[in-house]
């Protein structure tokens, strides 16, 4: 009985663990139409594709993915970024939420909702 319950929990958790962060997101609380329209300049939009995260006028490569104990939805990354003629590195924690992602970096924490 306990073994069956454990297997059922693993099977239910499996889809969440295999979900990808890839997608376009708009800053939570902003207008989703303007936030998700790629033809409109919007500083509240991010795009994650593979190991790249793009903010307004900035693109970063996500490296050294480090899982966080007991937080399967989140990953700590080193970022190598470039934008406006500058290059820099920093750490970022990206956490998958119910309807998007939370991005924590250099004292800032923002939540983004996935674009449809």
Protein backbone atom coordinates (compact mmCIF):
# COMPACT_ATOMS: atom_id res chain seq x y z
CA UNK A 1 0.00 0.00 0.00
CA UNK A 2 2.72 2.49 0.98
CA UNK A 3 4.79 1.40 -2.01
CA UNK A 4 1.86 2.07 -4.38
CA UNK A 5 1.30 5.50 -2.84
CA UNK A 6 4.98 6.35 -3.30
CA UNK A 7 4.90 5.24 -6.95
CA UNK A 8 1.75 7.30 -7.56
CA UNK A 9 3.41 10.40 -6.08
CA UNK A 10 6.49 9.90 -8.27
CA UNK A 11 4.34 9.55 -11.39
CA UNK A 12 2.35 12.67 -10.51
CA UNK A 13 5.52 14.65 -9.85
CA UNK A 14 7.28 13.51 -13.04
CA UNK A 15 5.58 15.96 -15.45
CA UNK A 16 6.50 18.95 -13.28
CA UNK A 17 10.14 17.91 -13.20
CA UNK A 18 10.29 17.58 -16.98
CA UNK A 19 8.69 20.94 -17.77
CA UNK A 20 10.95 23.39 -19.52
CA UNK A 21 11.52 27.03 -18.70
CA UNK A 22 11.58 27.85 -22.42
CA UNK A 23 9.07 30.50 -23.38
CA UNK A 24 8.20 34.17 -23.43
CA UNK A 25 7.01 35.80 -20.22
CA UNK A 26 5.60 39.19 -19.27
CA UNK A 27 6.07 40.95 -15.98
CA UNK A 28 3.26 39.82 -13.67
CA UNK A 29 0.64 42.51 -13.27
CA UNK A 30 1.44 44.14 -16.60
CA UNK A 31 -0.81 44.09 -19.66
CA UNK A 32 -0.39 40.57 -21.12
CA UNK A 33 -1.32 41.70 -24.64
CA UNK A 34 1.41 44.35 -24.82
CA UNK A 35 3.77 42.24 -22.72
CA UNK A 36 3.57 39.26 -25.04
CA UNK A 37 3.42 41.04 -28.41
CA UNK A 38 6.95 40.70 -29.80
CA UNK A 39 6.32 43.62 -32.17
CA UNK A 40 5.87 46.02 -29.23
CA UNK A 41 8.91 47.33 -27.34
CA UNK A 42 8.37 46.18 -23.75
CA UNK A 43 10.84 46.33 -20.87
CA UNK A 44 8.77 43.89 -18.82
CA UNK A 45 9.25 40.89 -21.11
CA UNK A 46 11.79 38.09 -20.92
CA UNK A 47 12.42 35.13 -23.18
CA UNK A 48 14.09 31.90 -22.12
CA UNK A 49 15.32 29.54 -24.85
CA UNK A 50 17.67 26.73 -23.93
CA UNK A 51 20.61 28.27 -22.13
CA UNK A 52 19.74 31.85 -23.15
CA UNK A 53 17.65 34.39 -21.26
CA UNK A 54 16.85 37.68 -22.95
CA UNK A 55 15.78 40.83 -21.12
CA UNK A 56 15.33 44.22 -22.74
CA UNK A 57 18.55 45.00 -24.64
CA UNK A 58 20.38 42.24 -22.73
CA UNK A 59 21.10 38.60 -23.53
CA UNK A 60 22.62 36.21 -21.00
CA UNK A 61 23.93 32.68 -21.29
CA UNK A 62 22.91 30.52 -18.34
CA UNK A 63 25.78 28.31 -17.13
CA UNK A 64 26.62 26.08 -14.17
CA UNK A 65 23.03 25.05 -13.42
CA UNK A 66 22.89 24.17 -9.74
CA UNK A 67 19.79 22.48 -8.30
CA UNK A 68 18.71 23.69 -4.87
CA UNK A 69 18.02 21.07 -2.21
CA UNK A 70 14.28 20.51 -1.64
CA UNK A 71 13.38 23.12 -4.29
CA UNK A 72 12.99 21.06 -7.46
CA UNK A 73 11.25 23.93 -9.27
CA UNK A 74 14.25 26.25 -8.90
CA UNK A 75 17.76 26.38 -10.28
CA UNK A 76 20.69 28.66 -9.52
CA UNK A 77 22.73 29.77 -12.54
CA UNK A 78 25.80 31.79 -13.37
CA UNK A 79 24.98 34.23 -16.18
CA UNK A 80 27.36 35.67 -18.74
CA UNK A 81 25.56 38.74 -20.07
CA UNK A 82 26.02 41.32 -22.79
CA UNK A 83 24.06 44.40 -23.67
CA UNK A 84 24.56 47.99 -24.73
CA UNK A 85 28.24 47.32 -25.51
CA UNK A 86 29.01 45.90 -22.05
CA UNK A 87 29.68 42.37 -20.75
CA UNK A 88 29.31 41.14 -17.16
CA UNK A 89 28.62 38.07 -15.05
CA UNK A 90 26.23 37.52 -12.19
CA UNK A 91 24.21 34.86 -10.38
CA UNK A 92 20.50 34.31 -10.90
CA UNK A 93 17.93 32.02 -9.33
CA UNK A 94 15.04 31.04 -11.60
CA UNK A 95 12.08 29.40 -9.96
CA UNK A 96 9.18 27.89 -11.88
CA UNK A 97 5.85 29.16 -10.53
CA UNK A 98 2.29 28.02 -11.18
CA UNK A 99 1.86 30.36 -14.15
CA UNK A 100 5.39 31.42 -15.06
CA UNK A 101 8.75 32.05 -13.41
CA UNK A 102 10.31 34.08 -10.62
CA UNK A 103 13.73 35.57 -11.33
CA UNK A 104 15.93 36.66 -8.42
CA UNK A 105 19.16 38.50 -9.12
CA UNK A 106 21.26 41.22 -7.41
CA UNK A 107 18.65 42.16 -4.85
CA UNK A 108 15.77 42.19 -7.32
CA UNK A 109 12.98 39.64 -7.40
CA UNK A 110 10.44 39.70 -10.20
CA UNK A 111 7.68 37.33 -11.20
CA UNK A 112 6.68 36.79 -14.81
CA UNK A 113 3.63 35.09 -16.28
CA UNK A 114 3.97 32.80 -19.28
CA UNK A 115 2.64 34.22 -22.53
CA UNK A 116 -0.05 32.11 -24.20
